[in-house]
Amino acid sequence: YPGTVIDTLENILNSNSSTKLTEIRSLLKVNSV
């Protein structure tokens, strides 16, 4: 919750970002999975 969390996680994994792990950790810290 919200349901868009998975879409956001997929977008992070599909990005060219060099901070993917940090972004994933931050997202899951503030959203319910």
All heavy atoms as atom14 arrays in JSON, in Angstrom:
{
  "sequence": "YPGTVIDTLENILNSNSSTKLTEIRSLLKVNSV",
  "atom14_mask": [
    [1, 1, 1, 1, 1, 1, 1, 1, 1, 1, 1, 1, 0, 0],
    [1, 1, 1, 1, 1, 1, 1, 0, 0, 0, 0, 0, 0, 0],
    [1, 1, 1, 1, 0, 0, 0, 0, 0, 0, 0, 0, 0, 0],
    [1, 1, 1, 1, 1, 1, 1, 0, 0, 0, 0, 0, 0, 0],
    [1, 1, 1, 1, 1, 1, 1, 0, 0, 0, 0, 0, 0, 0],
    [1, 1, 1, 1, 1, 1, 1, 1, 0, 0, 0, 0, 0, 0],
    [1, 1, 1, 1, 1, 1, 1, 1, 0, 0, 0, 0, 0, 0],
    [1, 1, 1, 1, 1, 1, 1, 0, 0, 0, 0, 0, 0, 0],
    [1, 1, 1, 1, 1, 1, 1, 1, 0, 0, 0, 0, 0, 0],
    [1, 1, 1, 1, 1, 1, 1, 1, 1, 0, 0, 0, 0, 0],
    [1, 1, 1, 1, 1, 1, 1, 1, 0, 0, 0, 0, 0, 0],
    [1, 1, 1, 1, 1, 1, 1, 1, 0, 0, 0, 0, 0, 0],
    [1, 1, 1, 1, 1, 1, 1, 1, 0, 0, 0, 0, 0, 0],
    [1, 1, 1, 1, 1, 1, 1, 1, 0, 0, 0, 0, 0, 0],
    [1, 1, 1, 1, 1, 1, 0, 0, 0, 0, 0, 0, 0, 0],
    [1, 1, 1, 1, 1, 1, 1, 1, 0, 0, 0, 0, 0, 0],
    [1, 1, 1, 1, 1, 1, 0, 0, 0, 0, 0, 0, 0, 0],
    [1, 1, 1, 1, 1, 1, 0, 0, 0, 0, 0, 0, 0, 0],
    [1, 1, 1, 1, 1, 1, 1, 0, 0, 0, 0, 0, 0, 0],
    [1, 1, 1, 1, 1, 1, 1, 1, 1, 0, 0, 0, 0, 0],
    [1, 1, 1, 1, 1, 1, 1, 1, 0, 0, 0, 0, 0, 0],
    [1, 1, 1, 1, 1, 1, 1, 0, 0, 0, 0, 0, 0, 0],
    [1, 1, 1, 1, 1, 1, 1, 1, 1, 0, 0, 0, 0, 0],
    [1, 1, 1, 1, 1, 1, 1, 1, 0, 0, 0, 0, 0, 0],
    [1, 1, 1, 1, 1, 1, 1, 1, 1, 1, 1, 0, 0, 0],
    [1, 1, 1, 1, 1, 1, 0, 0, 0, 0, 0, 0, 0, 0],
    [1, 1, 1, 1, 1, 1, 1, 1, 0, 0, 0, 0, 0, 0],
    [1, 1, 1, 1, 1, 1, 1, 1, 0, 0, 0, 0, 0, 0],
    [1, 1, 1, 1, 1, 1, 1, 1, 1, 0, 0, 0, 0, 0],
    [1, 1, 1, 1, 1, 1, 1, 0, 0, 0, 0, 0, 0, 0],
    [1, 1, 1, 1, 1, 1, 1, 1, 0, 0, 0, 0, 0, 0],
    [1, 1, 1, 1, 1, 1, 0, 0, 0, 0, 0, 0, 0, 0],
    [1, 1, 1, 1, 1, 1, 1, 0, 0, 0, 0, 0, 0, 0]
  ],
  "atom14_positions": [
    [[0.85, -1.18, 0.0], [0.0, 0.0, 0.0], [0.89, 1.23, 0.0], [1.78, 1.32, 0.84], [-0.92, 0.04, 1.22], [-1.82, 1.24, 1.17], [-2.99, 1.2, 0.42], [-1.48, 2.41, 1.82], [-3.8, 2.31, 0.34], [-2.28, 3.52, 1.74], [-3.44, 3.47, 1.0], [-4.23, 4.57, 0.9], [0.0, 0.0, 0.0], [0.0, 0.0, 0.0]],
    [[0.68, 2.14, -0.89], [-0.27, 2.11, -2.0], [0.14, 1.11, -3.08], [1.3, 0.69, -3.13], [-0.27, 3.53, -2.53], [1.07, 4.07, -2.17], [1.48, 3.38, -0.88], [0.0, 0.0, 0.0], [0.0, 0.0, 0.0], [0.0, 0.0, 0.0], [0.0, 0.0, 0.0], [0.0, 0.0, 0.0], [0.0, 0.0, 0.0], [0.0, 0.0, 0.0]],
    [[-0.79, 0.76, -3.93], [-0.55, -0.23, -4.98], [0.51, 0.19, -5.99], [1.06, -0.65, -6.68], [0.0, 0.0, 0.0], [0.0, 0.0, 0.0], [0.0, 0.0, 0.0], [0.0, 0.0, 0.0], [0.0, 0.0, 0.0], [0.0, 0.0, 0.0], [0.0, 0.0, 0.0], [0.0, 0.0, 0.0], [0.0, 0.0, 0.0], [0.0, 0.0, 0.0]],
    [[0.81, 1.46, -6.05], [1.8, 1.96, -7.0], [3.24, 1.7, -6.55], [4.17, 1.97, -7.31], [1.61, 3.47, -7.21], [1.7, 4.12, -5.94], [0.27, 3.78, -7.87], [0.0, 0.0, 0.0], [0.0, 0.0, 0.0], [0.0, 0.0, 0.0], [0.0, 0.0, 0.0], [0.0, 0.0, 0.0], [0.0, 0.0, 0.0], [0.0, 0.0, 0.0]],
    [[3.42, 1.17, -5.35], [4.77, 0.92, -4.84], [5.53, -0.03, -5.77], [6.7, 0.19, -6.08], [4.73, 0.35, -3.4], [6.11, -0.11, -2.96], [4.19, 1.4, -2.45], [0.0, 0.0, 0.0], [0.0, 0.0, 0.0], [0.0, 0.0, 0.0], [0.0, 0.0, 0.0], [0.0, 0.0, 0.0], [0.0, 0.0, 0.0], [0.0, 0.0, 0.0]],
    [[4.86, -1.07, -6.25], [5.53, -2.04, -7.13], [5.94, -1.36, -8.43], [7.05, -1.58, -8.92], [4.64, -3.27, -7.39], [4.38, -4.0, -6.07], [5.26, -4.19, -8.42], [5.64, -4.45, -5.34], [0.0, 0.0, 0.0], [0.0, 0.0, 0.0], [0.0, 0.0, 0.0], [0.0, 0.0, 0.0], [0.0, 0.0, 0.0], [0.0, 0.0, 0.0]],
    [[5.07, -0.53, -8.98], [5.43, 0.21, -10.2], [6.65, 1.08, -9.96], [7.56, 1.15, -10.81], [4.26, 1.08, -10.67], [3.07, 0.28, -11.13], [3.27, -0.87, -11.58], [1.94, 0.79, -11.03], [0.0, 0.0, 0.0], [0.0, 0.0, 0.0], [0.0, 0.0, 0.0], [0.0, 0.0, 0.0], [0.0, 0.0, 0.0], [0.0, 0.0, 0.0]],
    [[6.69, 1.74, -8.83], [7.83, 2.6, -8.51], [9.1, 1.78, -8.34], [10.17, 2.18, -8.82], [7.54, 3.43, -7.24], [6.31, 4.15, -7.43], [8.66, 4.41, -6.95], [0.0, 0.0, 0.0], [0.0, 0.0, 0.0], [0.0, 0.0, 0.0], [0.0, 0.0, 0.0], [0.0, 0.0, 0.0], [0.0, 0.0, 0.0], [0.0, 0.0, 0.0]],
    [[9.01, 0.63, -7.66], [10.17, -0.24, -7.52], [10.68, -0.72, -8.88], [11.89, -0.74, -9.13], [9.83, -1.45, -6.64], [9.66, -1.18, -5.16], [9.07, -2.41, -4.46], [10.98, -0.78, -4.53], [0.0, 0.0, 0.0], [0.0, 0.0, 0.0], [0.0, 0.0, 0.0], [0.0, 0.0, 0.0], [0.0, 0.0, 0.0], [0.0, 0.0, 0.0]],
    [[9.76, -1.09, -9.76], [10.16, -1.51, -11.11], [10.84, -0.37, -11.85], [11.85, -0.58, -12.54], [8.95, -2.02, -11.89], [8.43, -3.34, -11.37], [7.14, -3.79, -12.02], [6.44, -2.96, -12.65], [6.83, -4.97, -11.9], [0.0, 0.0, 0.0], [0.0, 0.0, 0.0], [0.0, 0.0, 0.0], [0.0, 0.0, 0.0], [0.0, 0.0, 0.0]],
    [[10.32, 0.85, -11.69], [10.93, 2.01, -12.35], [12.35, 2.24, -11.83], [13.25, 2.58, -12.61], [10.08, 3.27, -12.13], [8.8, 3.24, -12.94], [8.71, 2.53, -13.94], [7.81, 3.99, -12.5], [0.0, 0.0, 0.0], [0.0, 0.0, 0.0], [0.0, 0.0, 0.0], [0.0, 0.0, 0.0], [0.0, 0.0, 0.0], [0.0, 0.0, 0.0]],
    [[12.55, 2.06, -10.53], [13.9, 2.21, -9.97], [14.83, 1.16, -10.56], [15.95, 1.48, -10.98], [13.86, 2.11, -8.44], [13.12, 3.3, -7.83], [15.27, 2.0, -7.86], [12.81, 3.17, -6.35], [0.0, 0.0, 0.0], [0.0, 0.0, 0.0], [0.0, 0.0, 0.0], [0.0, 0.0, 0.0], [0.0, 0.0, 0.0], [0.0, 0.0, 0.0]],
    [[14.38, -0.09, -10.59], [15.23, -1.16, -11.13], [15.54, -0.94, -12.61], [16.61, -1.31, -13.08], [14.56, -2.53, -10.93], [14.45, -3.02, -9.5], [13.67, -4.33, -9.45], [15.81, -3.17, -8.85], [0.0, 0.0, 0.0], [0.0, 0.0, 0.0], [0.0, 0.0, 0.0], [0.0, 0.0, 0.0], [0.0, 0.0, 0.0], [0.0, 0.0, 0.0]],
    [[14.61, -0.35, -13.34], [14.79, -0.13, -14.77], [15.54, 1.16, -15.09], [15.85, 1.42, -16.25], [13.43, -0.13, -15.47], [12.81, -1.5, -15.5], [13.49, -2.49, -15.75], [11.53, -1.59, -15.2], [0.0, 0.0, 0.0], [0.0, 0.0, 0.0], [0.0, 0.0, 0.0], [0.0, 0.0, 0.0], [0.0, 0.0, 0.0], [0.0, 0.0, 0.0]],
    [[15.85, 1.95, -14.09], [16.53, 3.22, -14.32], [18.04, 3.02, -14.45], [18.56, 1.95, -14.19], [16.25, 4.18, -13.15], [16.99, 3.78, -12.01], [0.0, 0.0, 0.0], [0.0, 0.0, 0.0], [0.0, 0.0, 0.0], [0.0, 0.0, 0.0], [0.0, 0.0, 0.0], [0.0, 0.0, 0.0], [0.0, 0.0, 0.0], [0.0, 0.0, 0.0]],
    [[18.7, 4.08, -14.85], [20.17, 4.08, -14.95], [20.82, 4.62, -13.68], [22.0, 4.93, -13.68], [20.61, 4.91, -16.16], [20.24, 4.24, -17.46], [20.23, 3.02, -17.54], [19.9, 5.03, -18.46], [0.0, 0.0, 0.0], [0.0, 0.0, 0.0], [0.0, 0.0, 0.0], [0.0, 0.0, 0.0], [0.0, 0.0, 0.0], [0.0, 0.0, 0.0]],
    [[20.04, 4.75, -12.64], [20.53, 5.33, -11.39], [21.64, 4.48, -10.77], [21.6, 3.25, -10.81], [19.37, 5.45, -10.4], [19.85, 5.85, -9.14], [0.0, 0.0, 0.0], [0.0, 0.0, 0.0], [0.0, 0.0, 0.0], [0.0, 0.0, 0.0], [0.0, 0.0, 0.0], [0.0, 0.0, 0.0], [0.0, 0.0, 0.0], [0.0, 0.0, 0.0]],
    [[22.6, 5.15, -10.18], [23.68, 4.44, -9.48], [23.35, 4.26, -8.0], [24.13, 3.68, -7.26], [24.99, 5.21, -9.63], [24.87, 6.49, -9.04], [0.0, 0.0, 0.0], [0.0, 0.0, 0.0], [0.0, 0.0, 0.0], [0.0, 0.0, 0.0], [0.0, 0.0, 0.0], [0.0, 0.0, 0.0], [0.0, 0.0, 0.0], [0.0, 0.0, 0.0]],
    [[22.18, 4.75, -7.59], [21.77, 4.66, -6.18], [20.51, 3.82, -6.01], [19.68, 4.1, -5.15], [21.56, 6.06, -5.59], [20.54, 6.72, -6.35], [22.83, 6.89, -5.62], [0.0, 0.0, 0.0], [0.0, 0.0, 0.0], [0.0, 0.0, 0.0], [0.0, 0.0, 0.0], [0.0, 0.0, 0.0], [0.0, 0.0, 0.0], [0.0, 0.0, 0.0]],
    [[20.35, 2.79, -6.82], [19.14, 1.98, -6.79], [18.84, 1.4, -5.41], [17.71, 1.46, -4.94], [19.24, 0.84, -7.8], [19.18, 1.29, -9.23], [19.31, 0.12, -10.18], [19.39, 0.64, -11.6], [19.52, -0.41, -12.58], [0.0, 0.0, 0.0], [0.0, 0.0, 0.0], [0.0, 0.0, 0.0], [0.0, 0.0, 0.0], [0.0, 0.0, 0.0]],
    [[19.86, 0.85, -4.76], [19.64, 0.23, -3.45], [19.14, 1.25, -2.44], [18.18, 0.99, -1.71], [20.92, -0.45, -2.95], [20.83, -1.11, -1.58], [19.73, -2.16, -1.53], [22.16, -1.73, -1.19], [0.0, 0.0, 0.0], [0.0, 0.0, 0.0], [0.0, 0.0, 0.0], [0.0, 0.0, 0.0], [0.0, 0.0, 0.0], [0.0, 0.0, 0.0]],
    [[19.73, 2.42, -2.42], [19.31, 3.49, -1.51], [17.89, 3.92, -1.8], [17.08, 4.12, -0.88], [20.26, 4.69, -1.61], [21.58, 4.25, -1.31], [19.86, 5.81, -0.67], [0.0, 0.0, 0.0], [0.0, 0.0, 0.0], [0.0, 0.0, 0.0], [0.0, 0.0, 0.0], [0.0, 0.0, 0.0], [0.0, 0.0, 0.0], [0.0, 0.0, 0.0]],
    [[17.54, 4.04, -3.07], [16.19, 4.45, -3.46], [15.16, 3.39, -3.05], [14.08, 3.73, -2.56], [16.12, 4.69, -4.97], [16.92, 5.89, -5.42], [16.91, 6.05, -6.93], [15.82, 6.0, -7.53], [18.0, 6.21, -7.51], [0.0, 0.0, 0.0], [0.0, 0.0, 0.0], [0.0, 0.0, 0.0], [0.0, 0.0, 0.0], [0.0, 0.0, 0.0]],
    [[15.49, 2.13, -3.25], [14.58, 1.03, -2.88], [14.38, 1.02, -1.37], [13.25, 0.92, -0.88], [15.12, -0.32, -3.38], [15.05, -0.38, -4.9], [14.37, -1.48, -2.75], [15.81, -1.55, -5.51], [0.0, 0.0, 0.0], [0.0, 0.0, 0.0], [0.0, 0.0, 0.0], [0.0, 0.0, 0.0], [0.0, 0.0, 0.0], [0.0, 0.0, 0.0]],
    [[15.48, 1.12, -0.63], [15.41, 1.12, 0.83], [14.55, 2.28, 1.34], [13.7, 2.11, 2.21], [16.81, 1.2, 1.41], [16.83, 1.04, 2.92], [18.22, 1.17, 3.51], [19.18, 0.34, 2.81], [20.49, 0.54, 2.82], [21.0, 1.56, 3.47], [21.3, -0.26, 2.18], [0.0, 0.0, 0.0], [0.0, 0.0, 0.0], [0.0, 0.0, 0.0]],
    [[14.75, 3.46, 0.78], [13.98, 4.65, 1.19], [12.5, 4.49, 0.88], [11.65, 4.83, 1.7], [14.52, 5.89, 0.49], [15.84, 6.14, 0.87], [0.0, 0.0, 0.0], [0.0, 0.0, 0.0], [0.0, 0.0, 0.0], [0.0, 0.0, 0.0], [0.0, 0.0, 0.0], [0.0, 0.0, 0.0], [0.0, 0.0, 0.0], [0.0, 0.0, 0.0]],
    [[12.2, 3.97, -0.29], [10.8, 3.78, -0.68], [10.1, 2.79, 0.25], [8.97, 3.03, 0.69], [10.72, 3.29, -2.13], [9.32, 3.06, -2.68], [8.56, 4.38, -2.81], [9.37, 2.34, -4.01], [0.0, 0.0, 0.0], [0.0, 0.0, 0.0], [0.0, 0.0, 0.0], [0.0, 0.0, 0.0], [0.0, 0.0, 0.0], [0.0, 0.0, 0.0]],
    [[10.76, 1.68, 0.54], [10.13, 0.66, 1.38], [10.06, 1.09, 2.85], [9.27, 0.55, 3.61], [10.85, -0.67, 1.24], [10.71, -1.33, -0.13], [11.46, -2.66, -0.18], [9.25, -1.54, -0.51], [0.0, 0.0, 0.0], [0.0, 0.0, 0.0], [0.0, 0.0, 0.0], [0.0, 0.0, 0.0], [0.0, 0.0, 0.0], [0.0, 0.0, 0.0]],
    [[10.86, 2.07, 3.23], [10.83, 2.57, 4.61], [9.57, 3.38, 4.87], [9.05, 3.39, 5.98], [12.07, 3.42, 4.87], [12.27, 3.78, 6.33], [13.52, 4.62, 6.52], [14.73, 3.73, 6.59], [15.96, 4.44, 6.98], [0.0, 0.0, 0.0], [0.0, 0.0, 0.0], [0.0, 0.0, 0.0], [0.0, 0.0, 0.0], [0.0, 0.0, 0.0]],
    [[9.05, 4.05, 3.85], [7.91, 4.95, 4.03], [6.6, 4.38, 3.48], [5.55, 5.0, 3.63], [8.16, 6.34, 3.41], [9.32, 7.03, 4.11], [8.41, 6.25, 1.92], [0.0, 0.0, 0.0], [0.0, 0.0, 0.0], [0.0, 0.0, 0.0], [0.0, 0.0, 0.0], [0.0, 0.0, 0.0], [0.0, 0.0, 0.0], [0.0, 0.0, 0.0]],
    [[6.64, 3.21, 2.85], [5.43, 2.59, 2.3], [5.26, 1.2, 2.9], [6.23, 0.58, 3.32], [5.51, 2.48, 0.77], [5.45, 3.84, 0.12], [4.41, 4.42, -0.02], [6.61, 4.36, -0.26], [0.0, 0.0, 0.0], [0.0, 0.0, 0.0], [0.0, 0.0, 0.0], [0.0, 0.0, 0.0], [0.0, 0.0, 0.0], [0.0, 0.0, 0.0]],
    [[4.04, 0.72, 2.91], [3.75, -0.58, 3.49], [3.86, -1.68, 2.45], [3.11, -1.7, 1.48], [2.34, -0.6, 4.08], [2.24, 0.3, 5.14], [0.0, 0.0, 0.0], [0.0, 0.0, 0.0], [0.0, 0.0, 0.0], [0.0, 0.0, 0.0], [0.0, 0.0, 0.0], [0.0, 0.0, 0.0], [0.0, 0.0, 0.0], [0.0, 0.0, 0.0]],
    [[4.81, -2.58, 2.67], [4.92, -3.78, 1.85], [5.03, -4.95, 2.83], [5.94, -4.99, 3.65], [6.15, -3.76, 0.92], [6.27, -5.08, 0.16], [6.04, -2.61, -0.07], [0.0, 0.0, 0.0], [0.0, 0.0, 0.0], [0.0, 0.0, 0.0], [0.0, 0.0, 0.0], [0.0, 0.0, 0.0], [0.0, 0.0, 0.0], [0.0, 0.0, 0.0]]
  ]
}
